[in-house]
Amino acid sequence: MRSKGGCGRRVVSATTGVVLVALMSGCGVTPPQNRVAAVASMAPGSWNDSRPARAGIDLAWIRRFGDSQLSALVNESMSRNLDLRVAAEQVRRAEAVARLAGAARKPQLQGQIAGSRTKQRFTGFPIPIGSTTSETYGASLDIGWELDLWGRLRASQSAAVGDLQAQGFEFQAARTSLAAQIAKAWFALGEANDQIRLAQVAIVVREKTA
């Protein structure tokens, strides 16, 4: 038996093999106190969403500042930003996929009309005898419906609708983020202009004082 330090580990050797047993002595770390129950008691029993929250992301919040120039800049950025165009196209594609996924659960009807015209010549020696012309027309109507026995089509449609909703929320969030960045830069510009005007006034006052 070997010991390393007064507050360390002990290693026990056996003849049948080597077995390592780590024994923590008085220098062990005390685990922190569990306060999950105390925090859980402070949490409310239910949540109530407000009417604006149920309405989703507010896309017209820039107008509340009452600045026509800021609103014009935001509208211009919405129409010319390439990332927003890509996000809008992803929403349209997700909408098409969701529509096709829903159509797969309905009966499929396919119709086809075909026609052909054949002309055959009869040749003789030394002059041709004549020719005949035949025309053939046909129409077919096929109806098919896949029984969603295991719920595959239903699950596929639900997944497509969920993806559509996610893409729509991402698009709205991108619009809101872009508007917020423009508003932040616009207000920073206004603050910088005010600081310039204050500095100019301060220069005039100091010149008069001098």
C-alpha atoms as a PDB file:
ATOM      1  CA  MET A   1       0.000   0.000   0.000  1.00  0.00           C
ATOM      2  CA  ARG A   2       1.400   3.395  -1.012  1.00  0.00           C
ATOM      3  CA  SER A   3       0.173   6.831   0.020  1.00  0.00           C
ATOM      4  CA  LYS A   4       0.897  10.120  -1.699  1.00  0.00           C
ATOM      5  CA  GLY A   5       0.581  13.168   0.518  1.00  0.00           C
ATOM      6  CA  GLY A   6      -1.430  13.499   3.621  1.00  0.00           C
ATOM      7  CA  CYS A   7      -4.602  14.444   1.768  1.00  0.00           C
ATOM      8  CA  GLY A   8      -4.409  12.551  -1.485  1.00  0.00           C
ATOM      9  CA  ARG A   9      -5.286   9.140  -2.988  1.00  0.00           C
ATOM     10  CA  ARG A  10      -4.570   5.605  -1.881  1.00  0.00           C
ATOM     11  CA  VAL A  11      -3.752   2.884  -4.436  1.00  0.00           C
ATOM     12  CA  VAL A  12      -4.514  -0.732  -3.513  1.00  0.00           C
ATOM     13  CA  SER A  13      -2.859  -3.560  -5.501  1.00  0.00           C
ATOM     14  CA  ALA A  14      -4.274  -7.086  -5.767  1.00  0.00           C
ATOM     15  CA  THR A  15      -2.602 -10.273  -7.073  1.00  0.00           C
ATOM     16  CA  THR A  16      -5.417 -11.058  -9.510  1.00  0.00           C
ATOM     17  CA  GLY A  17      -5.217  -7.679 -11.214  1.00  0.00           C
ATOM     18  CA  VAL A  18      -4.732  -4.010 -10.698  1.00  0.00           C
ATOM     19  CA  VAL A  19      -7.711  -2.251  -9.153  1.00  0.00           C
ATOM     20  CA  LEU A  20      -7.629   1.499  -8.666  1.00  0.00           C
ATOM     21  CA  VAL A  21      -9.920   2.935  -6.041  1.00  0.00           C
ATOM     22  CA  ALA A  22      -9.982   6.712  -5.553  1.00  0.00           C
ATOM     23  CA  LEU A  23     -11.009   7.666  -2.054  1.00  0.00           C
ATOM     24  CA  MET A  24     -11.710  11.312  -1.388  1.00  0.00           C
ATOM     25  CA  SER A  25     -10.543  12.370   2.046  1.00  0.00           C
ATOM     26  CA  GLY A  26     -11.216  15.490   4.077  1.00  0.00           C
ATOM     27  CA  CYS A  27      -9.984  17.760   1.214  1.00  0.00           C
ATOM     28  CA  GLY A  28     -13.087  16.974  -0.953  1.00  0.00           C
ATOM     29  CA  VAL A  29     -15.246  19.731  -2.467  1.00  0.00           C
ATOM     30  CA  THR A  30     -18.664  20.318  -0.950  1.00  0.00           C
ATOM     31  CA  PRO A  31     -21.396  20.386  -3.650  1.00  0.00           C
ATOM     32  CA  PRO A  32     -23.460  23.566  -3.864  1.00  0.00           C
ATOM     33  CA  GLN A  33     -26.866  23.691  -2.254  1.00  0.00           C
ATOM     34  CA  ASN A  34     -29.739  22.710  -4.493  1.00  0.00           C
ATOM     35  CA  ARG A  35     -32.179  25.641  -4.799  1.00  0.00           C
ATOM     36  CA  VAL A  36     -34.454  24.196  -7.491  1.00  0.00           C
ATOM     37  CA  ALA A  37     -37.395  23.894  -5.113  1.00  0.00           C
ATOM     38  CA  ALA A  38     -37.014  27.510  -3.928  1.00  0.00           C
ATOM     39  CA  VAL A  39     -36.869  28.846  -7.473  1.00  0.00           C
ATOM     40  CA  ALA A  40     -39.803  26.704  -8.564  1.00  0.00           C
ATOM     41  CA  SER A  41     -41.941  28.156  -5.797  1.00  0.00           C
ATOM     42  CA  MET A  42     -41.357  31.679  -7.150  1.00  0.00           C
ATOM     43  CA  ALA A  43     -42.449  30.799 -10.675  1.00  0.00           C
ATOM     44  CA  PRO A  44     -46.074  31.621 -11.594  1.00  0.00           C
ATOM     45  CA  GLY A  45     -48.515  28.818 -12.029  1.00  0.00           C
ATOM     46  CA  SER A  46     -49.729  30.011 -15.431  1.00  0.00           C
ATOM     47  CA  TRP A  47     -48.783  32.515 -18.139  1.00  0.00           C
ATOM     48  CA  ASN A  48     -51.003  34.989 -19.976  1.00  0.00           C
ATOM     49  CA  ASP A  49     -49.954  36.306 -23.375  1.00  0.00           C
ATOM     50  CA  SER A  50     -50.908  39.826 -24.330  1.00  0.00           C
ATOM     51  CA  ARG A  51     -52.767  40.828 -27.461  1.00  0.00           C
ATOM     52  CA  PRO A  52     -49.642  42.290 -29.163  1.00  0.00           C
ATOM     53  CA  ALA A  53     -47.780  39.058 -28.387  1.00  0.00           C
ATOM     54  CA  ARG A  54     -50.509  36.974 -30.028  1.00  0.00           C
ATOM     55  CA  ALA A  55     -50.406  39.268 -33.056  1.00  0.00           C
ATOM     56  CA  GLY A  56     -46.755  38.380 -33.672  1.00  0.00           C
ATOM     57  CA  ILE A  57     -43.869  40.646 -34.617  1.00  0.00           C
ATOM     58  CA  ASP A  58     -44.832  44.299 -35.093  1.00  0.00           C
ATOM     59  CA  LEU A  59     -43.613  45.290 -38.549  1.00  0.00           C
ATOM     60  CA  ALA A  60     -44.797  48.904 -38.350  1.00  0.00           C
ATOM     61  CA  TRP A  61     -43.108  49.938 -35.096  1.00  0.00           C
ATOM     62  CA  ILE A  62     -40.782  52.347 -36.947  1.00  0.00           C
ATOM     63  CA  ARG A  63     -43.750  54.581 -37.758  1.00  0.00           C
ATOM     64  CA  ARG A  64     -44.339  55.255 -34.064  1.00  0.00           C
ATOM     65  CA  PHE A  65     -41.261  57.470 -33.952  1.00  0.00           C
ATOM     66  CA  GLY A  66     -43.029  59.929 -36.254  1.00  0.00           C
ATOM     67  CA  ASP A  67     -39.934  60.433 -38.443  1.00  0.00           C
ATOM     68  CA  SER A  68     -40.799  60.358 -42.145  1.00  0.00           C
ATOM     69  CA  GLN A  69     -37.147  60.209 -43.242  1.00  0.00           C
ATOM     70  CA  LEU A  70     -36.458  57.208 -41.021  1.00  0.00           C
ATOM     71  CA  SER A  71     -39.563  55.428 -42.339  1.00  0.00           C
ATOM     72  CA  ALA A  72     -38.443  56.136 -45.924  1.00  0.00           C
ATOM     73  CA  LEU A  73     -34.985  54.691 -45.232  1.00  0.00           C
ATOM     74  CA  VAL A  74     -36.456  51.556 -43.675  1.00  0.00           C
ATOM     75  CA  ASN A  75     -38.843  51.044 -46.603  1.00  0.00           C
ATOM     76  CA  GLU A  76     -35.990  51.454 -49.076  1.00  0.00           C
ATOM     77  CA  SER A  77     -33.865  48.920 -47.215  1.00  0.00           C
ATOM     78  CA  MET A  78     -36.732  46.430 -47.146  1.00  0.00           C
ATOM     79  CA  SER A  79     -37.096  46.567 -50.920  1.00  0.00           C
ATOM     80  CA  ARG A  80     -33.386  46.483 -51.810  1.00  0.00           C
ATOM     81  CA  ASN A  81     -31.812  44.231 -49.212  1.00  0.00           C
ATOM     82  CA  LEU A  82     -30.593  41.019 -50.862  1.00  0.00           C
ATOM     83  CA  ASP A  83     -30.777  38.927 -47.678  1.00  0.00           C
ATOM     84  CA  LEU A  84     -34.444  39.785 -47.285  1.00  0.00           C
ATOM     85  CA  ARG A  85     -35.098  38.793 -50.884  1.00  0.00           C
ATOM     86  CA  VAL A  86     -33.521  35.411 -50.222  1.00  0.00           C
ATOM     87  CA  ALA A  87     -35.605  34.987 -47.055  1.00  0.00           C
ATOM     88  CA  ALA A  88     -38.781  35.926 -48.934  1.00  0.00           C
ATOM     89  CA  GLU A  89     -37.986  33.384 -51.635  1.00  0.00           C
ATOM     90  CA  GLN A  90     -37.471  30.698 -48.993  1.00  0.00           C
ATOM     91  CA  VAL A  91     -40.906  31.483 -47.601  1.00  0.00           C
ATOM     92  CA  ARG A  92     -42.470  31.110 -51.057  1.00  0.00           C
ATOM     93  CA  ARG A  93     -40.713  27.792 -51.604  1.00  0.00           C
ATOM     94  CA  ALA A  94     -41.840  26.505 -48.215  1.00  0.00           C
ATOM     95  CA  GLU A  95     -45.390  27.546 -49.058  1.00  0.00           C
ATOM     96  CA  ALA A  96     -45.254  25.603 -52.336  1.00  0.00           C
ATOM     97  CA  VAL A  97     -43.880  22.526 -50.555  1.00  0.00           C
ATOM     98  CA  ALA A  98     -46.633  22.715 -47.936  1.00  0.00           C
ATOM     99  CA  ARG A  99     -49.282  23.015 -50.651  1.00  0.00           C
ATOM    100  CA  LEU A 100     -47.915  19.955 -52.487  1.00  0.00           C
ATOM    101  CA  ALA A 101     -47.721  17.985 -49.238  1.00  0.00           C
ATOM    102  CA  GLY A 102     -51.392  18.674 -48.615  1.00  0.00           C
ATOM    103  CA  ALA A 103     -52.333  17.707 -52.155  1.00  0.00           C
ATOM    104  CA  ALA A 104     -50.776  14.263 -51.720  1.00  0.00           C
ATOM    105  CA  ARG A 105     -53.524  13.321 -49.230  1.00  0.00           C
ATOM    106  CA  LYS A 106     -56.294  14.023 -51.737  1.00  0.00           C
ATOM    107  CA  PRO A 107     -57.419  11.861 -54.668  1.00  0.00           C
ATOM    108  CA  GLN A 108     -55.301  12.364 -57.779  1.00  0.00           C
ATOM    109  CA  LEU A 109     -57.051  12.766 -61.126  1.00  0.00           C
ATOM    110  CA  GLN A 110     -55.104  12.529 -64.387  1.00  0.00           C
ATOM    111  CA  GLY A 111     -56.543  12.826 -67.880  1.00  0.00           C
ATOM    112  CA  GLN A 112     -54.871  12.309 -71.227  1.00  0.00           C
ATOM    113  CA  ILE A 113     -55.996  12.690 -74.818  1.00  0.00           C
ATOM    114  CA  ALA A 114     -53.945  11.238 -77.670  1.00  0.00           C
ATOM    115  CA  GLY A 115     -54.383  11.138 -81.430  1.00  0.00           C
ATOM    116  CA  SER A 116     -52.493   9.837 -84.428  1.00  0.00           C
ATOM    117  CA  ARG A 117     -52.839   9.915 -88.193  1.00  0.00           C
ATOM    118  CA  THR A 118     -51.262   7.339 -90.485  1.00  0.00           C
ATOM    119  CA  LYS A 119     -51.005   7.409 -94.290  1.00  0.00           C
ATOM    120  CA  GLN A 120     -50.035   4.279 -96.187  1.00  0.00           C
ATOM    121  CA  ARG A 121     -49.151   4.131 -99.894  1.00  0.00           C
ATOM    122  CA  PHE A 122     -49.584   1.033-102.059  1.00  0.00           C
ATOM    123  CA  THR A 123     -47.042   0.876-104.833  1.00  0.00           C
ATOM    124  CA  GLY A 124     -47.299  -1.118-108.007  1.00  0.00           C
ATOM    125  CA  PHE A 125     -45.222  -1.577-111.145  1.00  0.00           C
ATOM    126  CA  PRO A 126     -44.857   0.492-113.181  1.00  0.00           C
ATOM    127  CA  ILE A 127     -47.278   3.052-111.555  1.00  0.00           C
ATOM    128  CA  PRO A 128     -48.531   3.442-107.908  1.00  0.00           C
ATOM    129  CA  ILE A 129     -51.949   1.958-107.155  1.00  0.00           C
ATOM    130  CA  GLY A 130     -53.090   4.377-104.410  1.00  0.00           C
ATOM    131  CA  SER A 131     -52.983   5.195-100.660  1.00  0.00           C
ATOM    132  CA  THR A 132     -55.122   5.037 -97.543  1.00  0.00           C
ATOM    133  CA  THR A 133     -55.250   7.310 -94.491  1.00  0.00           C
ATOM    134  CA  SER A 134     -56.269   6.179 -91.014  1.00  0.00           C
ATOM    135  CA  GLU A 135     -56.835   8.282 -87.910  1.00  0.00           C
ATOM    136  CA  THR A 136     -56.853   7.047 -84.311  1.00  0.00           C
ATOM    137  CA  TYR A 137     -58.010   8.977 -81.227  1.00  0.00           C
ATOM    138  CA  GLY A 138     -58.108   7.962 -77.615  1.00  0.00           C
ATOM    139  CA  ALA A 139     -58.745   9.379 -74.155  1.00  0.00           C
ATOM    140  CA  SER A 140     -57.903   8.069 -70.699  1.00  0.00           C
ATOM    141  CA  LEU A 141     -58.897   9.115 -67.201  1.00  0.00           C
ATOM    142  CA  ASP A 142     -57.007   7.786 -64.175  1.00  0.00           C
ATOM    143  CA  ILE A 143     -58.041   8.282 -60.550  1.00  0.00           C
ATOM    144  CA  GLY A 144     -55.696   7.354 -57.724  1.00  0.00           C
ATOM    145  CA  TRP A 145     -55.750   7.801 -53.969  1.00  0.00           C
ATOM    146  CA  GLU A 146     -53.155   6.652 -51.462  1.00  0.00           C
ATOM    147  CA  LEU A 147     -54.585   5.458 -48.174  1.00  0.00           C
ATOM    148  CA  ASP A 148     -52.618   7.121 -45.363  1.00  0.00           C
ATOM    149  CA  LEU A 149     -52.718   4.039 -43.196  1.00  0.00           C
ATOM    150  CA  TRP A 150     -49.588   4.732 -41.124  1.00  0.00           C
ATOM    151  CA  GLY A 151     -49.865   8.538 -41.080  1.00  0.00           C
ATOM    152  CA  ARG A 152     -46.879   9.165 -43.353  1.00  0.00           C
ATOM    153  CA  LEU A 153     -48.657  11.731 -45.503  1.00  0.00           C
ATOM    154  CA  ARG A 154     -50.186  13.452 -42.493  1.00  0.00           C
ATOM    155  CA  ALA A 155     -46.803  13.714 -40.779  1.00  0.00           C
ATOM    156  CA  SER A 156     -45.203  15.000 -43.970  1.00  0.00           C
ATOM    157  CA  GLN A 157     -47.857  17.679 -44.310  1.00  0.00           C
ATOM    158  CA  SER A 158     -47.458  18.724 -40.668  1.00  0.00           C
ATOM    159  CA  ALA A 159     -43.692  18.973 -41.103  1.00  0.00           C
ATOM    160  CA  ALA A 160     -44.096  21.090 -44.247  1.00  0.00           C
ATOM    161  CA  VAL A 161     -46.543  23.429 -42.513  1.00  0.00           C
ATOM    162  CA  GLY A 162     -44.185  23.742 -39.541  1.00  0.00           C
ATOM    163  CA  ASP A 163     -41.305  24.587 -41.847  1.00  0.00           C
ATOM    164  CA  LEU A 164     -43.458  27.215 -43.543  1.00  0.00           C
ATOM    165  CA  GLN A 165     -44.283  28.816 -40.207  1.00  0.00           C
ATOM    166  CA  ALA A 166     -40.617  28.770 -39.185  1.00  0.00           C
ATOM    167  CA  GLN A 167     -39.535  30.390 -42.448  1.00  0.00           C
ATOM    168  CA  GLY A 168     -42.226  33.034 -42.052  1.00  0.00           C
ATOM    169  CA  PHE A 169     -41.123  33.908 -38.516  1.00  0.00           C
ATOM    170  CA  GLU A 170     -37.485  34.059 -39.612  1.00  0.00           C
ATOM    171  CA  PHE A 171     -38.433  36.432 -42.421  1.00  0.00           C
ATOM    172  CA  GLN A 172     -40.337  38.701 -40.038  1.00  0.00           C
ATOM    173  CA  ALA A 173     -37.475  38.609 -37.543  1.00  0.00           C
ATOM    174  CA  ALA A 174     -35.001  39.543 -40.298  1.00  0.00           C
ATOM    175  CA  ARG A 175     -37.171  42.510 -41.281  1.00  0.00           C
ATOM    176  CA  THR A 176     -37.405  43.671 -37.672  1.00  0.00           C
ATOM    177  CA  SER A 177     -33.664  43.263 -37.133  1.00  0.00           C
ATOM    178  CA  LEU A 178     -32.848  45.260 -40.254  1.00  0.00           C
ATOM    179  CA  ALA A 179     -35.239  48.038 -39.236  1.00  0.00           C
ATOM    180  CA  ALA A 180     -33.687  48.118 -35.757  1.00  0.00           C
ATOM    181  CA  GLN A 181     -30.168  48.417 -37.170  1.00  0.00           C
ATOM    182  CA  ILE A 182     -31.208  51.288 -39.424  1.00  0.00           C
ATOM    183  CA  ALA A 183     -33.005  53.048 -36.573  1.00  0.00           C
ATOM    184  CA  LYS A 184     -29.959  52.638 -34.329  1.00  0.00           C
ATOM    185  CA  ALA A 185     -27.660  54.137 -36.973  1.00  0.00           C
ATOM    186  CA  TRP A 186     -30.160  56.942 -37.631  1.00  0.00           C
ATOM    187  CA  PHE A 187     -30.371  57.937 -33.964  1.00  0.00           C
ATOM    188  CA  ALA A 188     -26.585  57.684 -33.606  1.00  0.00           C
ATOM    189  CA  LEU A 189     -26.257  60.075 -36.532  1.00  0.00           C
ATOM    190  CA  GLY A 190     -28.689  62.478 -34.891  1.00  0.00           C
ATOM    191  CA  GLU A 191     -26.757  62.307 -31.634  1.00  0.00           C
ATOM    192  CA  ALA A 192     -23.490  63.001 -33.466  1.00  0.00           C
ATOM    193  CA  ASN A 193     -25.037  66.043 -35.183  1.00  0.00           C
ATOM    194  CA  ASP A 194     -26.222  67.368 -31.816  1.00  0.00           C
ATOM    195  CA  GLN A 195     -22.745  66.930 -30.371  1.00  0.00           C
ATOM    196  CA  ILE A 196     -21.291  68.860 -33.307  1.00  0.00           C
ATOM    197  CA  ARG A 197     -23.727  71.719 -32.747  1.00  0.00           C
ATOM    198  CA  LEU A 198     -22.952  71.774 -29.012  1.00  0.00           C
ATOM    199  CA  ALA A 199     -19.225  71.839 -29.771  1.00  0.00           C
ATOM    200  CA  GLN A 200     -19.712  74.764 -32.167  1.00  0.00           C
ATOM    201  CA  VAL A 201     -21.651  76.680 -29.508  1.00  0.00           C
ATOM    202  CA  ALA A 202     -18.952  75.916 -26.947  1.00  0.00           C
ATOM    203  CA  ILE A 203     -16.288  77.248 -29.319  1.00  0.00           C
ATOM    204  CA  VAL A 204     -18.187  80.517 -29.752  1.00  0.00           C
ATOM    205  CA  VAL A 205     -18.614  80.911 -25.971  1.00  0.00           C
ATOM    206  CA  ARG A 206     -14.934  80.283 -25.338  1.00  0.00           C
ATOM    207  CA  GLU A 207     -13.932  82.733 -28.031  1.00  0.00           C
ATOM    208  CA  LYS A 208     -16.096  85.425 -26.408  1.00  0.00           C
ATOM    209  CA  THR A 209     -14.623  84.559 -23.012  1.00  0.00           C
ATOM    210  CA  ALA A 210     -11.097  84.807 -24.386  1.00  0.00           C
END
